Amino acid sequence: MPLNHFCRAVTLMLLSALPLFSQTGTRQAPPLLSAATPESVGMYSERLNRLDGMIQSYIDKGAFPGVAAIVVRNGKIVYYKAFGKADLESNKPLAKDAIYRIASMTKAITSLAVMMLHEEGKIMLDDPISKYIPEFAKPVVLDQFNPKDSSFTTLPAKREISVRHLLTHMSGINYNVISSDERLRAIYTKAGIVDAFTTENLKIGDNIRKLAKLPLNHQPGEKWTYGLSVDVLGYLVEIASGMTLDQFFQQRIFAPLGMKDTYFYLPDSKKDRLVPLYSEDKDKKLVKGTTNSLSANPNYPIEGAKAFYSGGGGLSSTAYDYAIFLQMLLNGGVYNGKRLLSRKAVELFTNTNQSGTLFPDPRSYFSLGFSVVSEAGRSKGLGSVGTFSWGGAFSTNYFADPKEKICAVIMKQMWPTSYGGEIDRKFEMMIYQSLDD
């Protein structure tokens, strides 16, 4: 057995021998999500219902086949509606409980898993990732690149990649297909790196071990680069827990929270609820399928080998399920009578500036898993300071505001789309204009 495989096997054996921590009960008992009138939580019904016309206007002009949205305040569902069609060809109406490919909205759940294992003492945030995945030892940074044959030279990295670097996207690891760096895209493609998911019989560990041997875009900790960092963390969760990422999510997060419709691969009984993927043609007309290679097989996640658990982009879910996840964080780590994280860990996870001035949006900073509104963002009308958010490539989006105790999710299923960011900004603004307290 090669030495690095032996080291990994020993690490996995030792970590797996540790007691498996389960979610602890808690004296904190916030209620489960339930419907209530907007007025009961300090919001105007009339103003909140303005969302109907705004969302419908985008469907009427052919921007999206359908849109589902949920708004929660103080743990009460005050808005939960679906508009338009799930499938234009069959004329199937969109249901509120439709299931969407949430792509990068997966990242926050993987990062939660890392934080849970951190609290259990199995992972320290400033550990080098090579402690768990030996292939990442002695990283190198790209120096010279020859576009004719994708050959390259490297320089030694100044430091190892840490778990914190991965959580904050400051590791220097890129994406492949959606990378803006043509050099890294060529290198990754030549090496066969998968970005987010695949229908091939490939395991996430196979992908990550190949990735570990490739050069970094920049020195760890010196720049913010969106990439496969959280996929690396997904593999770390597998090593540190002795479970597949799918098993960890289902047993440690989804079942305790009551997230009954969130999966890497849908069971047959729920696959008809998966919303088809649409895209735009050159005239911005809706086309079933996708015009972009990010999703070469639009039938993911209901067919194929179903073996690849992408911590950065592989999950499918509903608006309601994701609202449960956000509400747990607004509750300080508690939901459904279970504590997943301590209150202090939630603060660290959601609302500490880990990126300094390196995050590309000057109105926000990056925590250990989210874009977070700064004072500069508040002055630009982005909501309360401390509001955390992110989205997915297929036009799904969310935000959670701890000050106003609001969380909201808006789901579409488009790649690419010209209107995703526009409708998301209006959605958030029109939630705030409905406040009445």
Protein backbone atom coordinates (compact mmCIF):
# COMPACT_ATOMS: atom_id res chain seq x y z
CA MET A 1 0.00 0.00 0.00
CA PRO A 2 1.44 3.45 -0.90
CA LEU A 3 2.49 5.47 2.14
CA ASN A 4 -0.06 8.26 1.63
CA HIS A 5 -2.91 5.73 1.34
CA PHE A 6 -1.64 4.00 4.49
CA CYS A 7 -1.59 7.34 6.36
CA ARG A 8 -5.13 8.11 5.23
CA ALA A 9 -6.30 4.67 6.30
CA VAL A 10 -4.75 5.07 9.74
CA THR A 11 -6.24 8.57 10.11
CA LEU A 12 -9.68 7.33 9.13
CA MET A 13 -9.41 4.36 11.52
CA LEU A 14 -8.42 6.58 14.45
CA LEU A 15 -11.06 9.20 13.76
CA SER A 16 -13.73 6.58 13.22
CA ALA A 17 -12.83 5.02 16.55
CA LEU A 18 -13.86 8.23 18.32
CA PRO A 19 -17.41 8.19 19.67
CA LEU A 20 -19.92 9.44 17.12
CA PHE A 21 -21.46 12.53 18.66
CA SER A 22 -25.17 12.84 18.12
CA GLN A 23 -27.24 15.99 18.21
CA THR A 24 -27.86 16.98 21.80
CA GLY A 25 -31.21 17.81 23.28
CA THR A 26 -31.67 21.35 24.52
CA ARG A 27 -33.66 23.35 27.00
CA GLN A 28 -34.09 25.91 24.22
CA ALA A 29 -37.32 25.01 22.48
CA PRO A 30 -38.18 27.39 19.65
CA PRO A 31 -41.29 26.16 17.84
CA LEU A 32 -41.19 24.43 14.48
CA LEU A 33 -41.97 26.52 11.42
CA SER A 34 -45.70 27.15 11.19
CA ALA A 35 -47.95 29.48 9.22
CA ALA A 36 -49.09 32.76 10.76
CA THR A 37 -50.45 36.09 9.61
CA PRO A 38 -47.86 38.73 8.73
CA GLU A 39 -49.50 41.07 11.24
CA SER A 40 -48.78 38.64 14.09
CA VAL A 41 -45.03 39.12 13.54
CA GLY A 42 -45.00 42.81 12.69
CA MET A 43 -45.47 42.80 8.91
CA TYR A 44 -48.11 44.17 6.54
CA SER A 45 -50.07 41.56 4.59
CA GLU A 46 -50.90 44.09 1.90
CA ARG A 47 -47.29 45.09 1.38
CA LEU A 48 -45.96 41.54 1.55
CA ASN A 49 -48.46 40.47 -1.10
CA ARG A 50 -46.86 42.95 -3.48
CA LEU A 51 -44.43 40.11 -4.07
CA ASP A 52 -47.17 38.33 -6.05
CA GLY A 53 -47.27 40.92 -8.80
CA MET A 54 -43.51 41.36 -8.94
CA ILE A 55 -42.85 37.62 -9.30
CA GLN A 56 -45.70 37.12 -11.77
CA SER A 57 -44.36 39.95 -13.95
CA TYR A 58 -41.15 37.98 -14.57
CA ILE A 59 -43.11 34.87 -15.49
CA ASP A 60 -45.39 36.86 -17.82
CA LYS A 61 -42.43 38.21 -19.77
CA GLY A 62 -40.90 34.75 -20.10
CA ALA A 63 -37.95 35.23 -17.75
CA PHE A 64 -38.71 32.04 -15.77
CA PRO A 65 -41.14 29.13 -16.19
CA GLY A 66 -41.98 29.30 -12.48
CA VAL A 67 -40.87 30.72 -9.15
CA ALA A 68 -41.43 29.51 -5.58
CA ALA A 69 -40.73 31.64 -2.52
CA ILE A 70 -40.96 31.43 1.26
CA VAL A 71 -40.60 34.17 3.88
CA VAL A 72 -40.24 33.47 7.61
CA ARG A 73 -40.17 35.93 10.50
CA ASN A 74 -39.81 35.03 14.15
CA GLY A 75 -40.11 31.39 13.12
CA LYS A 76 -43.48 31.96 11.45
CA ILE A 77 -44.15 31.39 7.77
CA VAL A 78 -45.80 34.57 6.52
CA TYR A 79 -45.43 33.98 2.78
CA TYR A 80 -45.17 30.66 0.94
CA LYS A 81 -46.30 30.59 -2.69
CA ALA A 82 -45.51 29.18 -6.11
CA PHE A 83 -46.13 30.86 -9.46
CA GLY A 84 -46.08 29.67 -13.05
CA LYS A 85 -45.19 26.26 -14.40
CA ALA A 86 -42.79 23.54 -13.36
CA ASP A 87 -42.67 22.27 -16.94
CA LEU A 88 -43.79 24.41 -19.89
CA GLU A 89 -44.02 21.48 -22.29
CA SER A 90 -46.47 19.53 -20.15
CA ASN A 91 -48.09 22.67 -18.73
CA LYS A 92 -47.55 21.27 -15.22
CA PRO A 93 -48.25 23.92 -12.55
CA LEU A 94 -45.42 24.65 -10.14
CA ALA A 95 -46.08 23.31 -6.63
CA LYS A 96 -44.77 24.95 -3.46
CA ASP A 97 -42.96 21.74 -2.53
CA ALA A 98 -41.19 21.38 -5.88
CA ILE A 99 -37.60 20.16 -5.62
CA TYR A 100 -34.75 22.20 -7.11
CA ARG A 101 -31.07 21.61 -7.81
CA ILE A 102 -29.63 24.06 -5.28
CA ALA A 103 -26.00 23.89 -6.49
CA SER A 104 -23.85 26.20 -4.31
CA MET A 105 -26.52 26.48 -1.63
CA THR A 106 -25.03 23.07 -0.74
CA LYS A 107 -21.90 24.84 0.50
CA ALA A 108 -23.42 26.22 3.69
CA ILE A 109 -24.62 22.75 4.71
CA THR A 110 -21.17 21.23 4.13
CA SER A 111 -19.61 24.08 6.10
CA LEU A 112 -22.11 23.41 8.91
CA ALA A 113 -20.91 19.79 8.96
CA VAL A 114 -17.31 21.00 9.32
CA MET A 115 -18.31 23.30 12.18
CA MET A 116 -20.12 20.43 13.93
CA LEU A 117 -17.01 18.25 13.70
CA HIS A 118 -14.92 21.19 14.86
CA GLU A 119 -17.04 21.48 18.01
CA GLU A 120 -16.56 17.76 18.58
CA GLY A 121 -12.78 18.20 18.50
CA LYS A 122 -12.30 16.18 15.32
CA ILE A 123 -11.25 19.14 13.15
CA MET A 124 -9.45 22.34 14.11
CA LEU A 125 -9.98 25.31 11.83
CA ASP A 126 -6.30 26.14 11.46
CA ASP A 127 -5.21 22.57 10.88
CA PRO A 128 -3.47 22.03 7.54
CA ILE A 129 -5.76 20.04 5.27
CA SER A 130 -2.79 17.74 4.59
CA LYS A 131 -3.24 16.39 8.13
CA TYR A 132 -6.34 14.63 6.79
CA ILE A 133 -5.65 14.46 3.04
CA PRO A 134 -1.89 13.86 2.65
CA GLU A 135 -1.91 14.68 -1.08
CA PHE A 136 -2.23 18.36 -0.14
CA ALA A 137 1.18 18.40 1.58
CA LYS A 138 3.71 20.86 0.15
CA PRO A 139 1.33 22.80 -2.12
CA VAL A 140 2.63 24.76 -5.09
CA VAL A 141 1.40 27.90 -6.84
CA LEU A 142 1.16 28.33 -10.60
CA ASP A 143 4.05 30.36 -12.06
CA GLN A 144 4.42 29.99 -15.83
CA PHE A 145 1.82 28.47 -18.17
CA ASN A 146 2.14 27.35 -21.81
CA PRO A 147 -1.28 27.54 -23.54
CA LYS A 148 -0.08 25.35 -26.42
CA ASP A 149 0.06 22.18 -24.34
CA SER A 150 -1.19 23.27 -20.88
CA SER A 151 2.23 22.62 -19.37
CA PHE A 152 3.26 24.79 -16.45
CA THR A 153 5.88 25.59 -13.84
CA THR A 154 5.26 26.26 -10.16
CA LEU A 155 6.59 27.97 -7.07
CA PRO A 156 6.42 26.56 -3.55
CA ALA A 157 3.50 27.88 -1.51
CA LYS A 158 4.46 30.02 1.47
CA ARG A 159 2.15 28.07 3.76
CA GLU A 160 -0.08 25.01 3.83
CA ILE A 161 -3.78 25.23 3.01
CA SER A 162 -5.77 25.27 6.23
CA VAL A 163 -9.35 24.25 6.93
CA ARG A 164 -10.09 27.96 7.49
CA HIS A 165 -8.70 28.80 4.05
CA LEU A 166 -11.13 26.30 2.54
CA LEU A 167 -14.13 27.59 4.50
CA THR A 168 -13.39 31.15 3.38
CA HIS A 169 -12.44 30.44 -0.28
CA MET A 170 -8.92 31.71 0.28
CA SER A 171 -7.16 28.42 -0.47
CA GLY A 172 -6.15 29.28 -4.04
CA ILE A 173 -8.24 26.40 -5.43
CA ASN A 174 -10.30 27.24 -8.50
CA TYR A 175 -13.34 25.89 -10.26
CA ASN A 176 -12.94 24.33 -13.68
CA VAL A 177 -15.80 25.18 -16.07
CA ILE A 178 -16.81 28.45 -14.41
CA SER A 179 -13.29 29.65 -13.64
CA SER A 180 -12.35 33.03 -15.08
CA ASP A 181 -8.71 31.94 -15.18
CA GLU A 182 -8.15 30.23 -18.54
CA ARG A 183 -4.85 28.76 -17.34
CA LEU A 184 -6.40 26.92 -14.41
CA ARG A 185 -9.38 25.89 -16.52
CA ALA A 186 -7.05 24.24 -19.04
CA ILE A 187 -5.01 22.53 -16.30
CA TYR A 188 -8.12 21.26 -14.50
CA THR A 189 -9.73 20.05 -17.71
CA LYS A 190 -6.58 18.16 -18.71
CA ALA A 191 -6.54 16.49 -15.28
CA GLY A 192 -10.25 15.56 -15.51
CA ILE A 193 -11.43 17.66 -12.55
CA VAL A 194 -15.21 17.61 -11.99
CA ASP A 195 -16.73 20.89 -10.80
CA ALA A 196 -19.88 20.03 -8.89
CA PHE A 197 -21.55 16.79 -9.89
CA THR A 198 -21.44 14.00 -12.40
CA THR A 199 -23.51 11.03 -13.50
CA GLU A 200 -20.32 8.98 -13.95
CA ASN A 201 -19.21 6.34 -11.44
CA LEU A 202 -16.79 8.66 -9.65
CA LYS A 203 -16.26 9.26 -5.94
CA ILE A 204 -15.57 12.67 -4.45
CA GLY A 205 -12.30 11.42 -2.96
CA ASP A 206 -11.03 10.47 -6.43
CA ASN A 207 -11.67 14.01 -7.64
CA ILE A 208 -10.12 15.70 -4.60
CA ARG A 209 -6.95 13.61 -4.62
CA LYS A 210 -6.37 14.57 -8.26
CA LEU A 211 -7.09 18.22 -7.44
CA ALA A 212 -4.55 18.18 -4.60
CA LYS A 213 -1.72 17.52 -7.06
CA LEU A 214 -2.48 20.59 -9.18
CA PRO A 215 -1.08 24.12 -8.71
CA LEU A 216 -2.94 26.79 -6.79
CA ASN A 217 -4.12 30.03 -8.35
CA HIS A 218 -2.42 32.08 -5.62
CA GLN A 219 -0.78 31.82 -2.23
CA PRO A 220 -3.15 30.44 0.43
CA GLY A 221 -4.73 33.21 2.48
CA GLU A 222 -3.72 36.04 0.15
CA LYS A 223 -6.74 36.28 -2.17
CA TRP A 224 -10.43 35.31 -2.34
CA THR A 225 -11.09 32.81 -5.16
CA TYR A 226 -14.38 30.98 -5.59
CA GLY A 227 -13.72 27.34 -6.33
CA LEU A 228 -13.74 23.73 -5.22
CA SER A 229 -12.67 24.48 -1.65
CA VAL A 230 -15.95 23.26 -0.18
CA ASP A 231 -15.78 20.04 -2.20
CA VAL A 232 -12.47 19.45 -0.44
CA LEU A 233 -14.30 20.07 2.85
CA GLY A 234 -16.93 17.50 1.87
CA TYR A 235 -14.21 14.89 1.55
CA LEU A 236 -12.75 16.09 4.86
CA VAL A 237 -16.13 15.44 6.52
CA GLU A 238 -16.04 11.88 5.18
CA ILE A 239 -12.54 11.30 6.57
CA ALA A 240 -13.17 12.92 9.95
CA SER A 241 -16.54 11.25 10.53
CA GLY A 242 -15.99 7.84 8.95
CA MET A 243 -19.25 8.31 7.01
CA THR A 244 -19.99 9.25 3.43
CA LEU A 245 -21.07 12.85 3.06
CA ASP A 246 -24.54 11.65 2.12
CA GLN A 247 -24.79 9.58 5.32
CA PHE A 248 -23.51 12.42 7.48
CA PHE A 249 -26.00 14.88 6.02
CA GLN A 250 -28.95 12.52 6.36
CA GLN A 251 -28.15 11.23 9.85
CA ARG A 252 -26.58 14.28 11.48
CA ILE A 253 -28.40 17.21 9.83
CA PHE A 254 -31.46 16.45 7.72
CA ALA A 255 -33.18 13.85 9.94
CA PRO A 256 -32.69 15.81 13.19
CA LEU A 257 -33.95 19.03 11.59
CA GLY A 258 -36.82 17.36 9.76
CA MET A 259 -35.52 18.28 6.29
CA LYS A 260 -37.38 15.51 4.50
CA ASP A 261 -36.87 16.62 0.89
CA THR A 262 -33.14 17.33 0.68
CA TYR A 263 -30.90 14.78 -1.06
CA PHE A 264 -27.88 14.27 -3.26
CA TYR A 265 -29.93 11.75 -5.27
CA LEU A 266 -33.70 11.73 -5.13
CA PRO A 267 -35.60 8.56 -4.23
CA ASP A 268 -37.88 7.31 -7.01
CA SER A 269 -40.92 8.35 -5.00
CA LYS A 270 -39.88 12.03 -5.24
CA LYS A 271 -38.22 12.35 -8.62
CA ASP A 272 -41.41 13.64 -10.28
CA ARG A 273 -41.17 16.70 -8.02
CA LEU A 274 -37.79 17.71 -9.48
CA VAL A 275 -38.20 20.87 -11.55
CA PRO A 276 -36.75 20.59 -15.08
CA LEU A 277 -33.75 22.77 -15.80
CA TYR A 278 -34.25 25.59 -18.31
CA SER A 279 -31.90 28.04 -19.98
CA GLU A 280 -32.01 31.03 -22.34
CA ASP A 281 -31.22 30.98 -26.04
CA LYS A 282 -29.52 33.92 -27.76
CA ASP A 283 -32.84 35.77 -27.89
CA LYS A 284 -33.48 35.21 -24.15
CA LYS A 285 -36.22 32.70 -24.91
CA LEU A 286 -36.72 29.78 -22.53
CA VAL A 287 -35.23 26.48 -23.63
CA LYS A 288 -35.59 23.21 -21.76
CA GLY A 289 -32.21 21.77 -20.82
CA THR A 290 -29.10 23.90 -20.64
CA THR A 291 -26.86 25.74 -23.05
CA ASN A 292 -23.93 25.59 -20.62
CA SER A 293 -21.58 22.69 -19.93
CA LEU A 294 -21.87 23.09 -16.14
CA SER A 295 -24.76 20.64 -16.34
CA ALA A 296 -23.97 18.38 -19.28
CA ASN A 297 -26.62 15.95 -18.08
CA PRO A 298 -29.80 17.88 -17.18
CA ASN A 299 -31.28 14.72 -15.64
CA TYR A 300 -28.89 14.90 -12.69
CA PRO A 301 -29.74 13.94 -9.91
CA ILE A 302 -32.26 11.28 -10.92
CA GLU A 303 -30.08 9.15 -13.19
CA GLY A 304 -26.50 7.99 -13.52
CA ALA A 305 -24.15 6.25 -11.11
CA LYS A 306 -25.37 8.30 -8.10
CA ALA A 307 -21.99 7.95 -6.39
CA PHE A 308 -20.54 11.48 -6.35
CA TYR A 309 -21.31 13.59 -3.26
CA SER A 310 -20.27 17.14 -4.09
CA GLY A 311 -20.07 19.22 -0.93
CA GLY A 312 -19.90 22.35 -3.04
CA GLY A 313 -22.86 21.84 -5.32
CA GLY A 314 -24.58 18.46 -5.34
CA LEU A 315 -27.78 18.80 -3.30
CA SER A 316 -31.39 19.23 -4.34
CA SER A 317 -33.97 20.66 -1.95
CA THR A 318 -37.17 22.65 -1.47
CA ALA A 319 -37.79 26.22 -0.36
CA TYR A 320 -39.36 24.92 2.86
CA ASP A 321 -36.48 22.58 3.74
CA TYR A 322 -33.88 25.27 3.21
CA ALA A 323 -35.91 27.66 5.36
CA ILE A 324 -35.64 25.09 8.18
CA PHE A 325 -31.84 25.13 7.83
CA LEU A 326 -31.76 28.95 7.95
CA GLN A 327 -34.15 29.09 10.89
CA MET A 328 -31.91 26.73 12.84
CA LEU A 329 -29.07 29.23 12.40
CA LEU A 330 -31.29 32.16 13.40
CA ASN A 331 -32.26 30.14 16.49
CA GLY A 332 -28.60 29.97 17.50
CA GLY A 333 -28.04 26.38 16.34
CA VAL A 334 -31.30 24.83 17.61
CA TYR A 335 -34.33 23.40 15.82
CA ASN A 336 -36.77 20.54 16.32
CA GLY A 337 -35.57 20.05 19.89
CA LYS A 338 -31.99 19.39 18.75
CA ARG A 339 -28.87 21.51 19.03
CA LEU A 340 -26.54 21.15 16.06
CA LEU A 341 -24.15 23.98 16.98
CA SER A 342 -23.54 26.14 20.01
CA ARG A 343 -24.62 29.76 19.90
CA LYS A 344 -20.98 30.90 19.81
CA ALA A 345 -20.17 28.57 16.92
CA VAL A 346 -23.14 29.96 14.96
CA GLU A 347 -21.82 33.48 15.53
CA LEU A 348 -18.38 32.42 14.31
CA PHE A 349 -19.89 30.58 11.34
CA THR A 350 -22.29 33.25 10.14
CA ASN A 351 -21.10 36.63 11.31
CA THR A 352 -17.34 37.10 11.67
CA ASN A 353 -15.21 38.81 9.04
CA GLN A 354 -12.78 36.11 7.94
CA SER A 355 -11.84 37.72 4.60
CA GLY A 356 -10.63 41.15 5.76
CA THR A 357 -10.69 43.37 2.68
CA LEU A 358 -10.17 40.50 0.22
CA PHE A 359 -13.83 39.69 -0.51
CA PRO A 360 -14.60 41.13 -3.98
CA ASP A 361 -17.85 42.83 -2.92
CA PRO A 362 -16.88 45.96 -0.93
CA ARG A 363 -20.37 46.04 0.64
CA SER A 364 -19.87 42.68 2.32
CA TYR A 365 -17.33 40.37 3.86
CA PHE A 366 -17.07 36.58 3.94
CA SER A 367 -17.55 34.58 7.13
CA LEU A 368 -16.88 30.84 7.41
CA GLY A 369 -19.60 30.11 4.86
CA PHE A 370 -21.56 33.18 3.81
CA SER A 371 -21.47 36.63 2.28
CA VAL A 372 -22.32 38.98 5.16
CA VAL A 373 -23.63 42.56 4.86
CA SER A 374 -21.22 45.14 6.28
CA GLU A 375 -21.96 48.70 7.36
CA ALA A 376 -21.11 49.79 3.82
CA GLY A 377 -23.70 47.33 2.51
CA ARG A 378 -26.36 48.54 4.92
CA SER A 379 -25.85 52.08 3.67
CA LYS A 380 -26.43 50.79 0.14
CA GLY A 381 -29.76 49.26 1.12
CA LEU A 382 -28.70 45.62 1.33
CA GLY A 383 -30.47 44.98 4.64
CA SER A 384 -29.24 44.83 8.22
CA VAL A 385 -25.58 44.56 9.09
CA GLY A 386 -24.92 40.87 9.70
CA THR A 387 -27.42 39.56 7.15
CA PHE A 388 -25.90 36.44 5.61
CA SER A 389 -26.70 34.99 2.21
CA TRP A 390 -25.60 33.00 -0.81
CA GLY A 391 -27.14 31.37 -3.87
CA GLY A 392 -26.82 28.61 -6.43
CA ALA A 393 -25.84 28.59 -10.09
CA PHE A 394 -29.30 27.47 -11.21
CA SER A 395 -30.88 30.69 -9.88
CA THR A 396 -31.73 29.73 -6.31
CA ASN A 397 -31.07 32.24 -3.55
CA TYR A 398 -31.53 32.91 0.17
CA PHE A 399 -30.81 35.39 2.94
CA ALA A 400 -31.15 35.42 6.73
CA ASP A 401 -31.24 38.57 8.85
CA PRO A 402 -30.50 37.91 12.55
CA LYS A 403 -31.48 41.45 13.59
CA GLU A 404 -34.95 41.36 12.02
CA LYS A 405 -35.28 37.58 12.56
CA ILE A 406 -36.15 37.06 8.90
CA CYS A 407 -35.10 34.28 6.56
CA ALA A 408 -36.27 33.89 2.98
CA VAL A 409 -35.67 31.58 0.03
CA ILE A 410 -36.51 32.11 -3.63
CA MET A 411 -36.28 29.23 -6.09
CA LYS A 412 -35.99 29.23 -9.88
CA GLN A 413 -34.31 26.64 -12.09
CA MET A 414 -32.38 28.40 -14.84
CA TRP A 415 -28.83 28.37 -16.21
CA PRO A 416 -28.00 30.80 -17.57
CA THR A 417 -30.49 33.59 -16.85
CA SER A 418 -30.41 37.33 -17.44
CA TYR A 419 -32.87 38.07 -14.64
CA GLY A 420 -31.80 36.00 -11.62
CA GLY A 421 -29.93 38.71 -9.73
CA GLU A 422 -32.56 41.32 -10.55
CA ILE A 423 -35.51 39.38 -9.14
CA ASP A 424 -33.48 38.31 -6.09
CA ARG A 425 -32.70 41.94 -5.19
CA LYS A 426 -36.34 42.96 -5.60
CA PHE A 427 -37.45 39.98 -3.51
CA GLU A 428 -35.28 41.02 -0.59
CA MET A 429 -36.16 44.72 -0.81
CA MET A 430 -39.90 44.01 -0.94
CA ILE A 431 -39.69 41.82 2.17
CA TYR A 432 -38.14 44.68 4.13
CA GLN A 433 -40.73 47.20 2.87
CA SER A 434 -43.42 45.04 4.48
CA LEU A 435 -42.10 45.51 8.03
CA ASP A 436 -44.58 47.16 10.43
CA ASP A 437 -43.07 47.25 13.91
